[in-house]
PDB file of N, CA and C in Angstrom:
ATOM      1  N   MET A   1       0.860  -1.174   0.000  1.00  0.00           N
ATOM      2  CA  MET A   1       0.000   0.000   0.000  1.00  0.00           C
ATOM      3  C   MET A   1       0.904   1.234   0.000  1.00  0.00           C
ATOM      4  N   SER A   2       0.585   2.202  -0.815  1.00  0.00           N
ATOM      5  CA  SER A   2       1.391   3.416  -0.867  1.00  0.00           C
ATOM      6  C   SER A   2       1.206   4.225   0.410  1.00  0.00           C
ATOM      7  N   THR A   3       2.125   5.121   0.683  1.00  0.00           N
ATOM      8  CA  THR A   3       2.083   5.925   1.894  1.00  0.00           C
ATOM      9  C   THR A   3       0.801   6.738   1.996  1.00  0.00           C
ATOM     10  N   GLY A   4       0.355   7.340   0.879  1.00  0.00           N
ATOM     11  CA  GLY A   4      -0.888   8.108   0.880  1.00  0.00           C
ATOM     12  C   GLY A   4      -2.093   7.241   1.201  1.00  0.00           C
ATOM     13  N   ASN A   5      -2.150   6.061   0.574  1.00  0.00           N
ATOM     14  CA  ASN A   5      -3.250   5.134   0.849  1.00  0.00           C
ATOM     15  C   ASN A   5      -3.195   4.604   2.274  1.00  0.00           C
ATOM     16  N   GLN A   6      -1.971   4.344   2.756  1.00  0.00           N
ATOM     17  CA  GLN A   6      -1.814   3.852   4.123  1.00  0.00           C
ATOM     18  C   GLN A   6      -2.277   4.913   5.122  1.00  0.00           C
ATOM     19  N   HIS A   7      -1.920   6.176   4.871  1.00  0.00           N
ATOM     20  CA  HIS A   7      -2.350   7.266   5.734  1.00  0.00           C
ATOM     21  C   HIS A   7      -3.877   7.372   5.730  1.00  0.00           C
ATOM     22  N   LEU A   8      -4.487   7.277   4.564  1.00  0.00           N
ATOM     23  CA  LEU A   8      -5.937   7.345   4.435  1.00  0.00           C
ATOM     24  C   LEU A   8      -6.593   6.156   5.140  1.00  0.00           C
ATOM     25  N   GLY A   9      -5.997   4.966   4.998  1.00  0.00           N
ATOM     26  CA  GLY A   9      -6.513   3.780   5.675  1.00  0.00           C
ATOM     27  C   GLY A   9      -6.451   3.915   7.183  1.00  0.00           C
ATOM     28  N   ASN A  10      -5.338   4.425   7.695  1.00  0.00           N
ATOM     29  CA  ASN A  10      -5.195   4.646   9.143  1.00  0.00           C
ATOM     30  C   ASN A  10      -6.215   5.660   9.631  1.00  0.00           C
ATOM     31  N   TYR A  11      -6.429   6.708   8.848  1.00  0.00           N
ATOM     32  CA  TYR A  11      -7.425   7.727   9.187  1.00  0.00           C
ATOM     33  C   TYR A  11      -8.820   7.096   9.260  1.00  0.00           C
ATOM     34  N   GLY A  12      -9.162   6.281   8.259  1.00  0.00           N
ATOM     35  CA  GLY A  12     -10.461   5.622   8.232  1.00  0.00           C
ATOM     36  C   GLY A  12     -10.654   4.707   9.427  1.00  0.00           C
ATOM     37  N   GLU A  13      -9.620   3.952   9.778  1.00  0.00           N
ATOM     38  CA  GLU A  13      -9.715   3.056  10.931  1.00  0.00           C
ATOM     39  C   GLU A  13      -9.888   3.843  12.225  1.00  0.00           C
ATOM     40  N   ALA A  14      -9.202   4.964  12.352  1.00  0.00           N
ATOM     41  CA  ALA A  14      -9.351   5.802  13.552  1.00  0.00           C
ATOM     42  C   ALA A  14     -10.765   6.366  13.642  1.00  0.00           C
ATOM     43  N   GLN A  15     -11.327   6.781  12.510  1.00  0.00           N
ATOM     44  CA  GLN A  15     -12.687   7.314  12.500  1.00  0.00           C
ATOM     45  C   GLN A  15     -13.703   6.213  12.842  1.00  0.00           C
ATOM     46  N   ALA A  16     -13.497   5.029  12.286  1.00  0.00           N
ATOM     47  CA  ALA A  16     -14.390   3.906  12.566  1.00  0.00           C
ATOM     48  C   ALA A  16     -14.317   3.514  14.039  1.00  0.00           C
ATOM     49  N   ARG A  17     -13.104   3.480  14.573  1.00  0.00           N
ATOM     50  CA  ARG A  17     -12.931   3.142  15.990  1.00  0.00           C
ATOM     51  C   ARG A  17     -13.678   4.134  16.873  1.00  0.00           C
ATOM     52  N   ALA A  18     -13.489   5.428  16.623  1.00  0.00           N
ATOM     53  CA  ALA A  18     -14.160   6.458  17.423  1.00  0.00           C
ATOM     54  C   ALA A  18     -15.677   6.328  17.316  1.00  0.00           C
ATOM     55  N   TYR A  19     -16.159   6.080  16.119  1.00  0.00           N
ATOM     56  CA  TYR A  19     -17.599   5.919  15.887  1.00  0.00           C
ATOM     57  C   TYR A  19     -18.147   4.739  16.690  1.00  0.00           C
ATOM     58  N   LEU A  20     -17.443   3.604  16.626  1.00  0.00           N
ATOM     59  CA  LEU A  20     -17.906   2.408  17.334  1.00  0.00           C
ATOM     60  C   LEU A  20     -17.790   2.572  18.850  1.00  0.00           C
ATOM     61  N   GLU A  21     -16.751   3.235  19.298  1.00  0.00           N
ATOM     62  CA  GLU A  21     -16.617   3.469  20.741  1.00  0.00           C
ATOM     63  C   GLU A  21     -17.759   4.342  21.262  1.00  0.00           C
ATOM     64  N   LYS A  22     -18.205   5.296  20.472  1.00  0.00           N
ATOM     65  CA  LYS A  22     -19.360   6.111  20.868  1.00  0.00           C
ATOM     66  C   LYS A  22     -20.623   5.260  20.977  1.00  0.00           C
ATOM     67  N   LYS A  23     -20.664   4.157  20.233  1.00  0.00           N
ATOM     68  CA  LYS A  23     -21.807   3.243  20.284  1.00  0.00           C
ATOM     69  C   LYS A  23     -21.656   2.213  21.415  1.00  0.00           C
ATOM     70  N   GLY A  24     -20.572   2.304  22.181  1.00  0.00           N
ATOM     71  CA  GLY A  24     -20.382   1.406  23.313  1.00  0.00           C
ATOM     72  C   GLY A  24     -19.440   0.236  23.076  1.00  0.00           C
ATOM     73  N   PHE A  25     -18.835   0.158  21.897  1.00  0.00           N
ATOM     74  CA  PHE A  25     -17.873  -0.908  21.633  1.00  0.00           C
ATOM     75  C   PHE A  25     -16.588  -0.630  22.421  1.00  0.00           C
ATOM     76  N   ARG A  26     -15.866  -1.695  22.750  1.00  0.00           N
ATOM     77  CA  ARG A  26     -14.567  -1.559  23.411  1.00  0.00           C
ATOM     78  C   ARG A  26     -13.466  -2.013  22.453  1.00  0.00           C
ATOM     79  N   PHE A  27     -12.454  -1.190  22.341  1.00  0.00           N
ATOM     80  CA  PHE A  27     -11.338  -1.442  21.434  1.00  0.00           C
ATOM     81  C   PHE A  27     -10.441  -2.548  21.989  1.00  0.00           C
ATOM     82  N   VAL A  28     -10.025  -3.460  21.112  1.00  0.00           N
ATOM     83  CA  VAL A  28      -9.067  -4.504  21.469  1.00  0.00           C
ATOM     84  C   VAL A  28      -7.739  -4.239  20.763  1.00  0.00           C
ATOM     85  N   CYS A  29      -7.766  -4.185  19.432  1.00  0.00           N
ATOM     86  CA  CYS A  29      -6.536  -3.928  18.683  1.00  0.00           C
ATOM     87  C   CYS A  29      -6.883  -3.517  17.257  1.00  0.00           C
ATOM     88  N   SER A  30      -5.882  -3.041  16.551  1.00  0.00           N
ATOM     89  CA  SER A  30      -6.047  -2.691  15.139  1.00  0.00           C
ATOM     90  C   SER A  30      -4.865  -3.237  14.355  1.00  0.00           C
ATOM     91  N   GLN A  31      -5.096  -3.444  13.087  1.00  0.00           N
ATOM     92  CA  GLN A  31      -4.068  -3.884  12.150  1.00  0.00           C
ATOM     93  C   GLN A  31      -3.355  -5.150  12.621  1.00  0.00           C
ATOM     94  N   TRP A  32      -4.136  -6.129  13.074  1.00  0.00           N
ATOM     95  CA  TRP A  32      -3.580  -7.413  13.507  1.00  0.00           C
ATOM     96  C   TRP A  32      -3.272  -8.243  12.269  1.00  0.00           C
ATOM     97  N   HIS A  33      -2.022  -8.670  12.141  1.00  0.00           N
ATOM     98  CA  HIS A  33      -1.553  -9.358  10.936  1.00  0.00           C
ATOM     99  C   HIS A  33      -1.404 -10.858  11.150  1.00  0.00           C
ATOM    100  N   SER A  34      -1.671 -11.602  10.084  1.00  0.00           N
ATOM    101  CA  SER A  34      -1.374 -13.034  10.027  1.00  0.00           C
ATOM    102  C   SER A  34      -0.879 -13.337   8.615  1.00  0.00           C
ATOM    103  N   ARG A  35      -0.585 -14.586   8.394  1.00  0.00           N
ATOM    104  CA  ARG A  35      -0.127 -14.971   7.049  1.00  0.00           C
ATOM    105  C   ARG A  35      -1.228 -14.819   6.004  1.00  0.00           C
ATOM    106  N   TYR A  36      -2.490 -14.720   6.437  1.00  0.00           N
ATOM    107  CA  TYR A  36      -3.601 -14.577   5.507  1.00  0.00           C
ATOM    108  C   TYR A  36      -3.941 -13.127   5.190  1.00  0.00           C
ATOM    109  N   GLY A  37      -3.634 -12.230   6.094  1.00  0.00           N
ATOM    110  CA  GLY A  37      -3.993 -10.832   5.873  1.00  0.00           C
ATOM    111  C   GLY A  37      -4.038 -10.060   7.175  1.00  0.00           C
ATOM    112  N   GLU A  38      -4.847  -9.020   7.195  1.00  0.00           N
ATOM    113  CA  GLU A  38      -4.911  -8.105   8.324  1.00  0.00           C
ATOM    114  C   GLU A  38      -6.353  -7.909   8.766  1.00  0.00           C
ATOM    115  N   LEU A  39      -6.533  -7.806  10.083  1.00  0.00           N
ATOM    116  CA  LEU A  39      -7.818  -7.406  10.644  1.00  0.00           C
ATOM    117  C   LEU A  39      -7.727  -5.918  10.911  1.00  0.00           C
ATOM    118  N   ASP A  40      -8.624  -5.133  10.325  1.00  0.00           N
ATOM    119  CA  ASP A  40      -8.566  -3.681  10.517  1.00  0.00           C
ATOM    120  C   ASP A  40      -8.775  -3.318  11.978  1.00  0.00           C
ATOM    121  N   LEU A  41      -9.889  -3.774  12.553  1.00  0.00           N
ATOM    122  CA  LEU A  41     -10.195  -3.503  13.958  1.00  0.00           C
ATOM    123  C   LEU A  41     -10.747  -4.761  14.604  1.00  0.00           C
ATOM    124  N   VAL A  42     -10.381  -4.955  15.855  1.00  0.00           N
ATOM    125  CA  VAL A  42     -10.988  -5.988  16.681  1.00  0.00           C
ATOM    126  C   VAL A  42     -11.592  -5.253  17.867  1.00  0.00           C
ATOM    127  N   MET A  43     -12.889  -5.450  18.080  1.00  0.00           N
ATOM    128  CA  MET A  43     -13.622  -4.726  19.117  1.00  0.00           C
ATOM    129  C   MET A  43     -14.494  -5.713  19.891  1.00  0.00           C
ATOM    130  N   TRP A  44     -14.898  -5.324  21.078  1.00  0.00           N
ATOM    131  CA  TRP A  44     -15.908  -6.067  21.836  1.00  0.00           C
ATOM    132  C   TRP A  44     -17.207  -5.291  21.783  1.00  0.00           C
ATOM    133  N   ASP A  45     -18.303  -6.010  21.529  1.00  0.00           N
ATOM    134  CA  ASP A  45     -19.643  -5.452  21.612  1.00  0.00           C
ATOM    135  C   ASP A  45     -20.410  -6.359  22.567  1.00  0.00           C
ATOM    136  N   ARG A  46     -20.561  -5.909  23.778  1.00  0.00           N
ATOM    137  CA  ARG A  46     -21.144  -6.711  24.856  1.00  0.00           C
ATOM    138  C   ARG A  46     -20.354  -8.007  25.011  1.00  0.00           C
ATOM    139  N   ASP A  47     -20.960  -9.166  24.719  1.00  0.00           N
ATOM    140  CA  ASP A  47     -20.283 -10.450  24.911  1.00  0.00           C
ATOM    141  C   ASP A  47     -19.765 -11.054  23.604  1.00  0.00           C
ATOM    142  N   GLU A  48     -19.678 -10.238  22.558  1.00  0.00           N
ATOM    143  CA  GLU A  48     -19.178 -10.719  21.267  1.00  0.00           C
ATOM    144  C   GLU A  48     -17.906  -9.994  20.879  1.00  0.00           C
ATOM    145  N   ILE A  49     -16.984 -10.749  20.323  1.00  0.00           N
ATOM    146  CA  ILE A  49     -15.823 -10.121  19.713  1.00  0.00           C
ATOM    147  C   ILE A  49     -16.219  -9.812  18.269  1.00  0.00           C
ATOM    148  N   VAL A  50     -15.852  -8.641  17.803  1.00  0.00           N
ATOM    149  CA  VAL A  50     -16.278  -8.188  16.484  1.00  0.00           C
ATOM    150  C   VAL A  50     -15.042  -7.883  15.636  1.00  0.00           C
ATOM    151  N   PHE A  51     -14.975  -8.519  14.491  1.00  0.00           N
ATOM    152  CA  PHE A  51     -13.919  -8.256  13.526  1.00  0.00           C
ATOM    153  C   PHE A  51     -14.485  -7.254  12.534  1.00  0.00           C
ATOM    154  N   VAL A  52     -13.879  -6.074  12.496  1.00  0.00           N
ATOM    155  CA  VAL A  52     -14.430  -4.970  11.722  1.00  0.00           C
ATOM    156  C   VAL A  52     -13.548  -4.678  10.513  1.00  0.00           C
ATOM    157  N   GLU A  53     -14.128  -4.763   9.349  1.00  0.00           N
ATOM    158  CA  GLU A  53     -13.463  -4.347   8.111  1.00  0.00           C
ATOM    159  C   GLU A  53     -13.865  -2.909   7.850  1.00  0.00           C
ATOM    160  N   VAL A  54     -12.886  -2.058   7.593  1.00  0.00           N
ATOM    161  CA  VAL A  54     -13.139  -0.637   7.370  1.00  0.00           C
ATOM    162  C   VAL A  54     -12.811  -0.311   5.917  1.00  0.00           C
ATOM    163  N   LYS A  55     -13.757   0.327   5.243  1.00  0.00           N
ATOM    164  CA  LYS A  55     -13.548   0.761   3.865  1.00  0.00           C
ATOM    165  C   LYS A  55     -13.848   2.250   3.782  1.00  0.00           C
ATOM    166  N   LEU A  56     -12.868   3.014   3.340  1.00  0.00           N
ATOM    167  CA  LEU A  56     -13.024   4.460   3.189  1.00  0.00           C
ATOM    168  C   LEU A  56     -12.850   4.814   1.725  1.00  0.00           C
ATOM    169  N   ARG A  57     -13.719   5.679   1.243  1.00  0.00           N
ATOM    170  CA  ARG A  57     -13.622   6.172  -0.129  1.00  0.00           C
ATOM    171  C   ARG A  57     -13.704   7.685  -0.115  1.00  0.00           C
ATOM    172  N   THR A  58     -12.931   8.310  -1.001  1.00  0.00           N
ATOM    173  CA  THR A  58     -12.995   9.766  -1.144  1.00  0.00           C
ATOM    174  C   THR A  58     -13.855  10.167  -2.330  1.00  0.00           C
ATOM    175  N   ASN A  59     -14.235   9.174  -3.146  1.00  0.00           N
ATOM    176  CA  ASN A  59     -15.217   9.408  -4.203  1.00  0.00           C
ATOM    177  C   ASN A  59     -15.919   8.081  -4.455  1.00  0.00           C
ATOM    178  N   LEU A  60     -17.023   8.146  -5.133  1.00  0.00           N
ATOM    179  CA  LEU A  60     -17.833   6.944  -5.334  1.00  0.00           C
ATOM    180  C   LEU A  60     -17.748   6.390  -6.755  1.00  0.00           C
ATOM    181  N   SER A  61     -16.688   6.759  -7.476  1.00  0.00           N
ATOM    182  CA  SER A  61     -16.570   6.288  -8.856  1.00  0.00           C
ATOM    183  C   SER A  61     -16.440   4.766  -8.939  1.00  0.00           C
ATOM    184  N   TYR A  62     -15.964   4.122  -7.882  1.00  0.00           N
ATOM    185  CA  TYR A  62     -15.863   2.658  -7.861  1.00  0.00           C
ATOM    186  C   TYR A  62     -16.956   2.031  -7.009  1.00  0.00           C
ATOM    187  N   GLY A  63     -17.940   2.808  -6.600  1.00  0.00           N
ATOM    188  CA  GLY A  63     -19.045   2.284  -5.815  1.00  0.00           C
ATOM    189  C   GLY A  63     -18.935   2.625  -4.343  1.00  0.00           C
ATOM    190  N   MET A  64     -19.955   2.247  -3.613  1.00  0.00           N
ATOM    191  CA  MET A  64     -20.004   2.486  -2.173  1.00  0.00           C
ATOM    192  C   MET A  64     -18.944   1.644  -1.465  1.00  0.00           C
ATOM    193  N   PRO A  65     -18.395   2.148  -0.380  1.00  0.00           N
ATOM    194  CA  PRO A  65     -17.339   1.406   0.325  1.00  0.00           C
ATOM    195  C   PRO A  65     -17.750  -0.007   0.713  1.00  0.00           C
ATOM    196  N   GLU A  66     -18.988  -0.167   1.179  1.00  0.00           N
ATOM    197  CA  GLU A  66     -19.430  -1.489   1.631  1.00  0.00           C
ATOM    198  C   GLU A  66     -19.548  -2.507   0.506  1.00  0.00           C
ATOM    199  N   HIS A  67     -19.547  -2.052  -0.743  1.00  0.00           N
ATOM    200  CA  HIS A  67     -19.605  -2.975  -1.871  1.00  0.00           C
ATOM    201  C   HIS A  67     -18.222  -3.459  -2.302  1.00  0.00           C
ATOM    202  N   MET A  68     -17.194  -3.005  -1.597  1.00  0.00           N
ATOM    203  CA  MET A  68     -15.831  -3.341  -1.986  1.00  0.00           C
ATOM    204  C   MET A  68     -15.303  -4.605  -1.297  1.00  0.00           C
ATOM    205  N   VAL A  69     -16.133  -5.305  -0.553  1.00  0.00           N
ATOM    206  CA  VAL A  69     -15.717  -6.539   0.111  1.00  0.00           C
ATOM    207  C   VAL A  69     -16.331  -7.710  -0.643  1.00  0.00           C
ATOM    208  N   ASN A  70     -15.476  -8.398  -1.402  1.00  0.00           N
ATOM    209  CA  ASN A  70     -15.941  -9.534  -2.198  1.00  0.00           C
ATOM    210  C   ASN A  70     -15.712 -10.854  -1.446  1.00  0.00           C
ATOM    211  N   GLU A  71     -16.085 -11.964  -2.068  1.00  0.00           N
ATOM    212  CA  GLU A  71     -15.943 -13.272  -1.423  1.00  0.00           C
ATOM    213  C   GLU A  71     -14.499 -13.591  -1.066  1.00  0.00           C
ATOM    214  N   LYS A  72     -13.572 -13.247  -1.937  1.00  0.00           N
ATOM    215  CA  LYS A  72     -12.151 -13.511  -1.681  1.00  0.00           C
ATOM    216  C   LYS A  72     -11.692 -12.744  -0.434  1.00  0.00           C
ATOM    217  N   LYS A  73     -12.087 -11.491  -0.324  1.00  0.00           N
ATOM    218  CA  LYS A  73     -11.729 -10.682   0.838  1.00  0.00           C
ATOM    219  C   LYS A  73     -12.380 -11.245   2.098  1.00  0.00           C
ATOM    220  N   MET A  74     -13.646 -11.654   2.004  1.00  0.00           N
ATOM    221  CA  MET A  74     -14.330 -12.237   3.163  1.00  0.00           C
ATOM    222  C   MET A  74     -13.604 -13.489   3.647  1.00  0.00           C
ATOM    223  N   GLU A  75     -13.170 -14.308   2.716  1.00  0.00           N
ATOM    224  CA  GLU A  75     -12.460 -15.537   3.084  1.00  0.00           C
ATOM    225  C   GLU A  75     -11.150 -15.216   3.804  1.00  0.00           C
ATOM    226  N   LYS A  76     -10.423 -14.210   3.320  1.00  0.00           N
ATOM    227  CA  LYS A  76      -9.176 -13.791   3.982  1.00  0.00           C
ATOM    228  C   LYS A  76      -9.451 -13.288   5.402  1.00  0.00           C
ATOM    229  N   ILE A  77     -10.518 -12.519   5.555  1.00  0.00           N
ATOM    230  CA  ILE A  77     -10.877 -11.995   6.878  1.00  0.00           C
ATOM    231  C   ILE A  77     -11.217 -13.155   7.814  1.00  0.00           C
ATOM    232  N   LYS A  78     -11.993 -14.114   7.337  1.00  0.00           N
ATOM    233  CA  LYS A  78     -12.375 -15.261   8.164  1.00  0.00           C
ATOM    234  C   LYS A  78     -11.152 -16.072   8.596  1.00  0.00           C
ATOM    235  N   LYS A  79     -10.242 -16.331   7.665  1.00  0.00           N
ATOM    236  CA  LYS A  79      -9.035 -17.090   8.002  1.00  0.00           C
ATOM    237  C   LYS A  79      -8.183 -16.331   9.016  1.00  0.00           C
ATOM    238  N   THR A  80      -8.039 -15.037   8.806  1.00  0.00           N
ATOM    239  CA  THR A  80      -7.248 -14.221   9.731  1.00  0.00           C
ATOM    240  C   THR A  80      -7.908 -14.190  11.101  1.00  0.00           C
ATOM    241  N   ALA A  81      -9.227 -14.024  11.131  1.00  0.00           N
ATOM    242  CA  ALA A  81      -9.960 -14.016  12.403  1.00  0.00           C
ATOM    243  C   ALA A  81      -9.825 -15.366  13.107  1.00  0.00           C
ATOM    244  N   GLY A  82      -9.856 -16.446  12.350  1.00  0.00           N
ATOM    245  CA  GLY A  82      -9.686 -17.772  12.936  1.00  0.00           C
ATOM    246  C   GLY A  82      -8.342 -17.913  13.624  1.00  0.00           C
ATOM    247  N   LEU A  83      -7.295 -17.417  12.985  1.00  0.00           N
ATOM    248  CA  LEU A  83      -5.965 -17.448  13.606  1.00  0.00           C
ATOM    249  C   LEU A  83      -5.923 -16.565  14.842  1.00  0.00           C
ATOM    250  N   TYR A  84      -6.558 -15.405  14.761  1.00  0.00           N
ATOM    251  CA  TYR A  84      -6.608 -14.512  15.922  1.00  0.00           C
ATOM    252  C   TYR A  84      -7.255 -15.246  17.103  1.00  0.00           C
ATOM    253  N   LEU A  85      -8.376 -15.892  16.856  1.00  0.00           N
ATOM    254  CA  LEU A  85      -9.082 -16.593  17.937  1.00  0.00           C
ATOM    255  C   LEU A  85      -8.230 -17.725  18.511  1.00  0.00           C
ATOM    256  N   GLU A  86      -7.515 -18.440  17.645  1.00  0.00           N
ATOM    257  CA  GLU A  86      -6.643 -19.527  18.105  1.00  0.00           C
ATOM    258  C   GLU A  86      -5.478 -19.001  18.942  1.00  0.00           C
ATOM    259  N   GLU A  87      -4.864 -17.906  18.502  1.00  0.00           N
ATOM    260  CA  GLU A  87      -3.653 -17.403  19.144  1.00  0.00           C
ATOM    261  C   GLU A  87      -3.912 -16.513  20.348  1.00  0.00           C
ATOM    262  N   ILE A  88      -4.989 -15.737  20.324  1.00  0.00           N
ATOM    263  CA  ILE A  88      -5.197 -14.717  21.348  1.00  0.00           C
ATOM    264  C   ILE A  88      -6.219 -15.128  22.398  1.00  0.00           C
ATOM    265  N   GLU A  89      -7.297 -15.713  21.970  1.00  0.00           N
ATOM    266  CA  GLU A  89      -8.395 -16.029  22.886  1.00  0.00           C
ATOM    267  C   GLU A  89      -8.292 -17.481  23.351  1.00  0.00           C
ATOM    268  N   ASN A  90      -8.184 -17.678  24.682  1.00  0.00           N
ATOM    269  CA  ASN A  90      -8.127 -19.026  25.222  1.00  0.00           C
ATOM    270  C   ASN A  90      -9.453 -19.758  25.033  1.00  0.00           C
ATOM    271  N   ASP A  91     -10.526 -19.064  25.243  1.00  0.00           N
ATOM    272  CA  ASP A  91     -11.866 -19.625  25.087  1.00  0.00           C
ATOM    273  C   ASP A  91     -12.588 -18.757  24.065  1.00  0.00           C
ATOM    274  N   PRO A  92     -12.491 -19.113  22.772  1.00  0.00           N
ATOM    275  CA  PRO A  92     -13.065 -18.226  21.750  1.00  0.00           C
ATOM    276  C   PRO A  92     -14.517 -17.860  22.041  1.00  0.00           C
ATOM    277  N   PRO A  93     -14.785 -16.573  22.100  1.00  0.00           N
ATOM    278  CA  PRO A  93     -16.142 -16.100  22.374  1.00  0.00           C
ATOM    279  C   PRO A  93     -16.997 -16.135  21.119  1.00  0.00           C
ATOM    280  N   PHE A  94     -18.271 -15.796  21.294  1.00  0.00           N
ATOM    281  CA  PHE A  94     -19.096 -15.561  20.130  1.00  0.00           C
ATOM    282  C   PHE A  94     -18.436 -14.441  19.341  1.00  0.00           C
ATOM    283  N   HIS A  95     -18.500 -14.532  18.044  1.00  0.00           N
ATOM    284  CA  HIS A  95     -17.893 -13.473  17.234  1.00  0.00           C
ATOM    285  C   HIS A  95     -18.746 -13.233  15.991  1.00  0.00           C
ATOM    286  N   ARG A  96     -18.515 -12.062  15.436  1.00  0.00           N
ATOM    287  CA  ARG A  96     -19.216 -11.690  14.208  1.00  0.00           C
ATOM    288  C   ARG A  96     -18.304 -10.791  13.384  1.00  0.00           C
ATOM    289  N   TYR A  97     -18.760 -10.516  12.170  1.00  0.00           N
ATOM    290  CA  TYR A  97     -18.009  -9.686  11.235  1.00  0.00           C
ATOM    291  C   TYR A  97     -18.855  -8.480  10.867  1.00  0.00           C
ATOM    292  N   ASP A  98     -18.333  -7.301  11.146  1.00  0.00           N
ATOM    293  CA  ASP A  98     -19.009  -6.049  10.820  1.00  0.00           C
ATOM    294  C   ASP A  98     -18.217  -5.313   9.756  1.00  0.00           C
ATOM    295  N   LEU A  99     -18.872  -4.378   9.119  1.00  0.00           N
ATOM    296  CA  LEU A  99     -18.215  -3.535   8.127  1.00  0.00           C
ATOM    297  C   LEU A  99     -18.571  -2.084   8.416  1.00  0.00           C
ATOM    298  N   VAL A 100     -17.572  -1.226   8.379  1.00  0.00           N
ATOM    299  CA  VAL A 100     -17.808   0.206   8.501  1.00  0.00           C
ATOM    300  C   VAL A 100     -17.385   0.841   7.184  1.00  0.00           C
ATOM    301  N   GLY A 101     -18.347   1.431   6.498  1.00  0.00           N
ATOM    302  CA  GLY A 101     -18.099   2.135   5.246  1.00  0.00           C
ATOM    303  C   GLY A 101     -18.073   3.632   5.505  1.00  0.00           C
ATOM    304  N   ILE A 102     -17.041   4.286   5.017  1.00  0.00           N
ATOM    305  CA  ILE A 102     -16.879   5.729   5.232  1.00  0.00           C
ATOM    306  C   ILE A 102     -16.697   6.407   3.887  1.00  0.00           C
ATOM    307  N   VAL A 103     -17.463   7.455   3.674  1.00  0.00           N
ATOM    308  CA  VAL A 103     -17.274   8.307   2.495  1.00  0.00           C
ATOM    309  C   VAL A 103     -16.795   9.651   3.015  1.00  0.00           C
ATOM    310  N   LYS A 104     -15.613  10.056   2.556  1.00  0.00           N
ATOM    311  CA  LYS A 104     -15.013  11.331   2.965  1.00  0.00           C
ATOM    312  C   LYS A 104     -15.108  12.300   1.798  1.00  0.00           C
ATOM    313  N   ASN A 105     -15.832  13.379   2.004  1.00  0.00           N
ATOM    314  CA  ASN A 105     -15.996  14.408   0.989  1.00  0.00           C
ATOM    315  C   ASN A 105     -15.489  15.711   1.606  1.00  0.00           C
ATOM    316  N   GLY A 106     -14.237  16.042   1.322  1.00  0.00           N
ATOM    317  CA  GLY A 106     -13.615  17.191   1.984  1.00  0.00           C
ATOM    318  C   GLY A 106     -13.464  16.872   3.459  1.00  0.00           C
ATOM    319  N   GLU A 107     -14.042  17.709   4.307  1.00  0.00           N
ATOM    320  CA  GLU A 107     -13.990  17.468   5.753  1.00  0.00           C
ATOM    321  C   GLU A 107     -15.219  16.708   6.254  1.00  0.00           C
ATOM    322  N   LYS A 108     -16.181  16.504   5.377  1.00  0.00           N
ATOM    323  CA  LYS A 108     -17.418  15.834   5.766  1.00  0.00           C
ATOM    324  C   LYS A 108     -17.256  14.315   5.667  1.00  0.00           C
ATOM    325  N   LEU A 109     -17.721  13.605   6.711  1.00  0.00           N
ATOM    326  CA  LEU A 109     -17.680  12.149   6.728  1.00  0.00           C
ATOM    327  C   LEU A 109     -19.087  11.593   6.815  1.00  0.00           C
ATOM    328  N   GLU A 110     -19.347  10.577   6.024  1.00  0.00           N
ATOM    329  CA  GLU A 110     -20.578   9.807   6.147  1.00  0.00           C
ATOM    330  C   GLU A 110     -20.156   8.397   6.536  1.00  0.00           C
ATOM    331  N   ILE A 111     -20.617   7.941   7.693  1.00  0.00           N
ATOM    332  CA  ILE A 111     -20.218   6.643   8.213  1.00  0.00           C
ATOM    333  C   ILE A 111     -21.433   5.733   8.286  1.00  0.00           C
ATOM    334  N   GLU A 112     -21.281   4.529   7.763  1.00  0.00           N
ATOM    335  CA  GLU A 112     -22.335   3.529   7.847  1.00  0.00           C
ATOM    336  C   GLU A 112     -21.756   2.269   8.477  1.00  0.00           C
ATOM    337  N   HIS A 113     -22.406   1.793   9.520  1.00  0.00           N
ATOM    338  CA  HIS A 113     -21.977   0.593  10.224  1.00  0.00           C
ATOM    339  C   HIS A 113     -22.955  -0.534   9.913  1.00  0.00           C
ATOM    340  N   LEU A 114     -22.446  -1.580   9.292  1.00  0.00           N
ATOM    341  CA  LEU A 114     -23.253  -2.752   8.964  1.00  0.00           C
ATOM    342  C   LEU A 114     -22.822  -3.896   9.875  1.00  0.00           C
ATOM    343  N   GLN A 115     -23.752  -4.398  10.671  1.00  0.00           N
ATOM    344  CA  GLN A 115     -23.448  -5.465  11.614  1.00  0.00           C
ATOM    345  C   GLN A 115     -23.684  -6.833  10.996  1.00  0.00           C
ATOM    346  N   ASP A 116     -22.827  -7.779  11.413  1.00  0.00           N
ATOM    347  CA  ASP A 116     -23.023  -9.184  11.058  1.00  0.00           C
ATOM    348  C   ASP A 116     -23.176  -9.351   9.546  1.00  0.00           C
ATOM    349  N   VAL A 117     -22.215  -8.812   8.796  1.00  0.00           N
ATOM    350  CA  VAL A 117     -22.332  -8.764   7.333  1.00  0.00           C
ATOM    351  C   VAL A 117     -22.144 -10.103   6.640  1.00  0.00           C
ATOM    352  N   PHE A 118     -21.446 -11.025   7.284  1.00  0.00           N
ATOM    353  CA  PHE A 118     -21.354 -12.373   6.734  1.00  0.00           C
ATOM    354  C   PHE A 118     -21.087 -13.370   7.837  1.00  0.00           C
ATOM    355  N   ARG A 119     -21.403 -14.611   7.540  1.00  0.00           N
ATOM    356  CA  ARG A 119     -21.266 -15.708   8.499  1.00  0.00           C
ATOM    357  C   ARG A 119     -20.164 -16.648   8.045  1.00  0.00           C
ATOM    358  N   GLU A 120     -19.748 -17.498   8.944  1.00  0.00           N
ATOM    359  CA  GLU A 120     -18.692 -18.480   8.633  1.00  0.00           C
ATOM    360  C   GLU A 120     -19.051 -19.340   7.427  1.00  0.00           C
ATOM    361  N   ASP A 121     -20.312 -19.679   7.273  1.00  0.00           N
ATOM    362  CA  ASP A 121     -20.701 -20.568   6.188  1.00  0.00           C
ATOM    363  C   ASP A 121     -21.198 -19.840   4.944  1.00  0.00           C
ATOM    364  N   SER A 122     -20.942 -18.520   4.852  1.00  0.00           N
ATOM    365  CA  SER A 122     -21.489 -17.759   3.722  1.00  0.00           C
ATOM    366  C   SER A 122     -20.629 -17.823   2.473  1.00  0.00           C
ATOM    367  N   CYS A 123     -19.408 -18.290   2.566  1.00  0.00           N
ATOM    368  CA  CYS A 123     -18.539 -18.377   1.372  1.00  0.00           C
ATOM    369  C   CYS A 123     -18.351 -19.803   0.951  1.00  0.00           C
TER     370      CYS A 123
END
């Protein structure tokens, strides 16, 4: 990822984290890496661990941010989350996959949080 894109990605993750924390989520970690890929955010929502994919767009020429997660990306997220649960959590809790789509237009942000966007058996 180029430095500009990485900076924009970090900005999007920070905005998503702040948004979710205002909704009562608790932050666990960000940018957790495995051989399969990266988890953007790991958060707790009550008794569930939530793996959050963050997509930020500065224009909509390629579509809405939430439409940018395809089956291949979902599979990578699931594999990475599986490793996270094996390595970090002694007793894997209930978990789900959320998506936060952000459209940045100048200084204005539009944030959409989609809960439980896919299941383990959806791919």
